[in-house]
Amino acid sequence: MIRARRRKPRTLLEPEEVGGLTLLKQVQLSLPVSEKRRVVDWLRTRPVSDAELALSSALVVHVGPEVTAAVERARRYVTLRERLVEVNPLVCDGEPVIRGTRVPVRGLARQIELGETPQVLHEEYPFLPEEAFELAPLWARGNPRQGRPLRSATARMPTSPECARSRI
């Protein structure tokens, strides 16, 4: 039904498939897998806009603005992720950072989640593009840390001294 692609170590969905999942969630009916595939394939092969798909003479699926909005949000996220997130073993020991900086994405997301004001973040990171503050929490939720949780505050310290300033 959903064709996820693997990019080590992550599984990625296409924006249209996010729209398909949104649409299927809104249907709130138990559809056979073959019909779910048909809905997702239909969304994948056509531009997402207000349209209808007749699954049978009694059941017509309408693509509403929520599905279109979900696809657009997914497309924006993919664009920002590809443009702003960098994973380089030579930068902060491979910790994902905002491209061209040593600011870890998870560290920035943590500051935002803890309620740091946009004004303070802009003062602290004047060199970051505005979109980085939008992307960081989304990226961190979609890419949780792998492995066993850290045990102590000293264990959370980065191994690279250059990254220590930008970590929380």
Protein backbone atom coordinates (compact mmCIF):
# COMPACT_ATOMS: atom_id res chain seq x y z
CA MET A 1 0.00 0.00 0.00
CA ILE A 2 2.51 2.64 1.17
CA ARG A 3 5.85 2.45 -0.58
CA ALA A 4 8.38 3.52 2.00
CA ARG A 5 11.96 3.82 0.87
CA ARG A 6 14.88 3.04 3.12
CA ARG A 7 17.73 5.46 3.50
CA LYS A 8 19.98 4.17 6.22
CA PRO A 9 18.99 4.23 9.03
CA ARG A 10 15.61 5.83 8.21
CA THR A 11 12.43 4.95 6.39
CA LEU A 12 11.06 7.77 4.26
CA LEU A 13 7.59 8.36 2.83
CA GLU A 14 6.77 10.43 -0.23
CA PRO A 15 4.56 13.49 0.47
CA GLU A 16 1.70 12.01 -1.57
CA GLU A 17 1.75 8.92 0.64
CA VAL A 18 1.37 11.17 3.68
CA GLY A 19 -1.72 12.52 1.94
CA GLY A 20 -2.94 8.96 1.39
CA LEU A 21 -2.55 8.13 5.07
CA THR A 22 -4.38 11.35 5.99
CA LEU A 23 -7.21 10.51 3.61
CA LEU A 24 -7.52 6.92 4.88
CA LYS A 25 -7.60 8.17 8.47
CA GLN A 26 -10.47 10.51 7.60
CA VAL A 27 -12.49 7.76 5.87
CA GLN A 28 -13.03 6.06 9.25
CA LEU A 29 -14.20 2.86 7.57
CA SER A 30 -12.57 -0.51 7.47
CA LEU A 31 -11.58 -0.80 3.82
CA PRO A 32 -10.01 -3.87 2.26
CA VAL A 33 -6.28 -3.56 1.61
CA SER A 34 -6.89 -3.61 -2.16
CA GLU A 35 -9.09 -0.49 -1.87
CA LYS A 36 -6.55 1.24 0.37
CA ARG A 37 -3.89 0.55 -2.26
CA ARG A 38 -6.18 1.93 -4.94
CA VAL A 39 -6.72 5.17 -2.97
CA VAL A 40 -2.99 5.67 -2.30
CA ASP A 41 -2.02 4.81 -5.91
CA TRP A 42 -4.66 7.25 -7.19
CA LEU A 43 -3.26 10.03 -4.97
CA ARG A 44 0.31 9.19 -6.00
CA THR A 45 -0.39 9.43 -9.75
CA ARG A 46 -2.34 12.67 -9.86
CA PRO A 47 -1.89 16.20 -8.56
CA VAL A 48 -3.44 16.59 -5.13
CA SER A 49 -6.38 18.95 -5.21
CA ASP A 50 -10.10 18.77 -4.56
CA ALA A 51 -11.20 15.67 -6.45
CA GLU A 52 -13.16 12.47 -6.00
CA LEU A 53 -12.47 8.77 -6.47
CA ALA A 54 -15.39 6.37 -6.83
CA LEU A 55 -14.47 3.17 -4.99
CA SER A 56 -17.88 1.73 -5.82
CA SER A 57 -21.30 2.98 -6.84
CA ALA A 58 -22.06 3.58 -3.15
CA LEU A 59 -18.72 4.92 -1.93
CA VAL A 60 -16.97 8.00 -3.25
CA VAL A 61 -13.84 9.36 -1.58
CA HIS A 62 -13.45 13.14 -1.66
CA VAL A 63 -10.00 14.72 -1.31
CA GLY A 64 -10.57 17.66 0.96
CA PRO A 65 -8.38 20.57 1.96
CA GLU A 66 -6.94 18.64 4.93
CA VAL A 67 -5.34 16.09 2.61
CA THR A 68 -3.99 18.79 0.32
CA ALA A 69 -2.58 20.65 3.34
CA ALA A 70 -0.93 17.45 4.68
CA VAL A 71 0.78 16.86 1.33
CA GLU A 72 1.98 20.46 1.15
CA ARG A 73 3.36 20.30 4.72
CA ALA A 74 5.15 17.03 3.87
CA ARG A 75 6.64 18.57 0.71
CA ARG A 76 7.85 21.62 2.65
CA TYR A 77 9.40 19.38 5.31
CA VAL A 78 11.26 17.30 2.70
CA THR A 79 12.54 20.46 1.00
CA LEU A 80 13.74 21.98 4.27
CA ARG A 81 15.28 18.70 5.46
CA GLU A 82 17.27 18.26 2.27
CA ARG A 83 18.41 21.88 2.29
CA LEU A 84 19.17 22.39 5.99
CA VAL A 85 20.14 19.10 7.70
CA GLU A 86 23.70 17.88 7.29
CA VAL A 87 25.17 14.65 8.66
CA ASN A 88 28.95 14.60 8.30
CA PRO A 89 31.23 12.39 10.41
CA LEU A 90 33.80 15.21 10.41
CA VAL A 91 31.33 17.73 11.90
CA CYS A 92 30.31 17.16 15.54
CA ASP A 93 31.11 13.44 15.28
CA GLY A 94 28.31 12.87 12.77
CA GLU A 95 25.58 14.46 14.89
CA PRO A 96 22.97 15.99 12.51
CA VAL A 97 23.55 19.74 12.35
CA ILE A 98 22.12 22.72 10.50
CA ARG A 99 24.07 22.79 7.23
CA GLY A 100 27.11 25.05 7.31
CA THR A 101 27.04 25.41 11.10
CA ARG A 102 27.88 23.29 14.11
CA VAL A 103 24.43 23.73 15.64
CA PRO A 104 22.94 20.28 16.36
CA VAL A 105 19.37 19.94 15.11
CA ARG A 106 18.28 18.07 18.26
CA GLY A 107 19.80 20.74 20.50
CA LEU A 108 17.93 23.50 18.69
CA ALA A 109 14.73 21.45 18.82
CA ARG A 110 15.18 20.90 22.56
CA GLN A 111 15.49 24.64 23.18
CA ILE A 112 12.30 25.26 21.20
CA GLU A 113 10.45 22.45 23.03
CA LEU A 114 11.50 23.91 26.39
CA GLY A 115 9.82 27.17 25.42
CA GLU A 116 12.73 29.39 24.41
CA THR A 117 11.32 32.49 22.75
CA PRO A 118 11.98 33.13 19.06
CA GLN A 119 13.59 36.47 19.98
CA VAL A 120 16.18 34.79 22.23
CA LEU A 121 16.85 32.08 19.64
CA HIS A 122 17.42 34.71 16.93
CA GLU A 123 19.82 36.58 19.22
CA GLU A 124 21.69 33.38 20.08
CA TYR A 125 21.78 32.06 16.50
CA PRO A 126 21.62 35.11 14.18
CA PHE A 127 23.37 33.12 11.43
CA LEU A 128 20.63 30.46 11.17
CA PRO A 129 17.96 30.76 8.49
CA GLU A 130 14.41 31.30 9.76
CA GLU A 131 13.33 27.90 8.42
CA ALA A 132 15.78 26.13 10.76
CA PHE A 133 13.59 27.07 13.74
CA GLU A 134 10.57 25.58 11.96
CA LEU A 135 12.37 22.41 10.86
CA ALA A 136 14.27 21.44 14.03
CA PRO A 137 11.32 20.27 16.18
CA LEU A 138 9.74 18.40 13.25
CA TRP A 139 13.01 16.69 12.39
CA ALA A 140 13.74 15.75 16.02
CA ARG A 141 10.28 14.16 16.46
CA GLY A 142 10.71 12.20 13.25
CA ASN A 143 14.27 11.10 14.04
CA PRO A 144 14.47 10.00 17.68
CA ARG A 145 17.85 9.01 19.05
CA GLN A 146 18.71 5.35 18.55
CA GLY A 147 20.06 3.10 21.26
CA ARG A 148 20.13 3.18 25.00
CA PRO A 149 19.37 6.48 26.76
CA LEU A 150 22.27 8.38 28.28
CA ARG A 151 22.69 7.99 32.03
CA SER A 152 24.21 11.17 33.38
CA ALA A 153 24.74 14.79 32.49
CA THR A 154 28.44 14.17 31.90
CA ALA A 155 27.62 11.36 29.50
CA ARG A 156 25.61 13.85 27.43
CA MET A 157 28.61 16.07 26.81
CA PRO A 158 29.78 15.97 23.19
CA THR A 159 33.10 14.42 22.37
CA SER A 160 34.09 17.34 20.14
CA PRO A 161 34.93 20.55 22.02
CA GLU A 162 33.62 22.60 19.08
CA CYS A 163 30.10 21.22 19.60
CA ALA A 164 29.99 21.81 23.34
CA ARG A 165 28.87 25.42 23.00
CA SER A 166 25.91 24.61 20.78
CA ARG A 167 24.61 21.62 22.75
CA ILE A 168 22.13 21.72 25.58
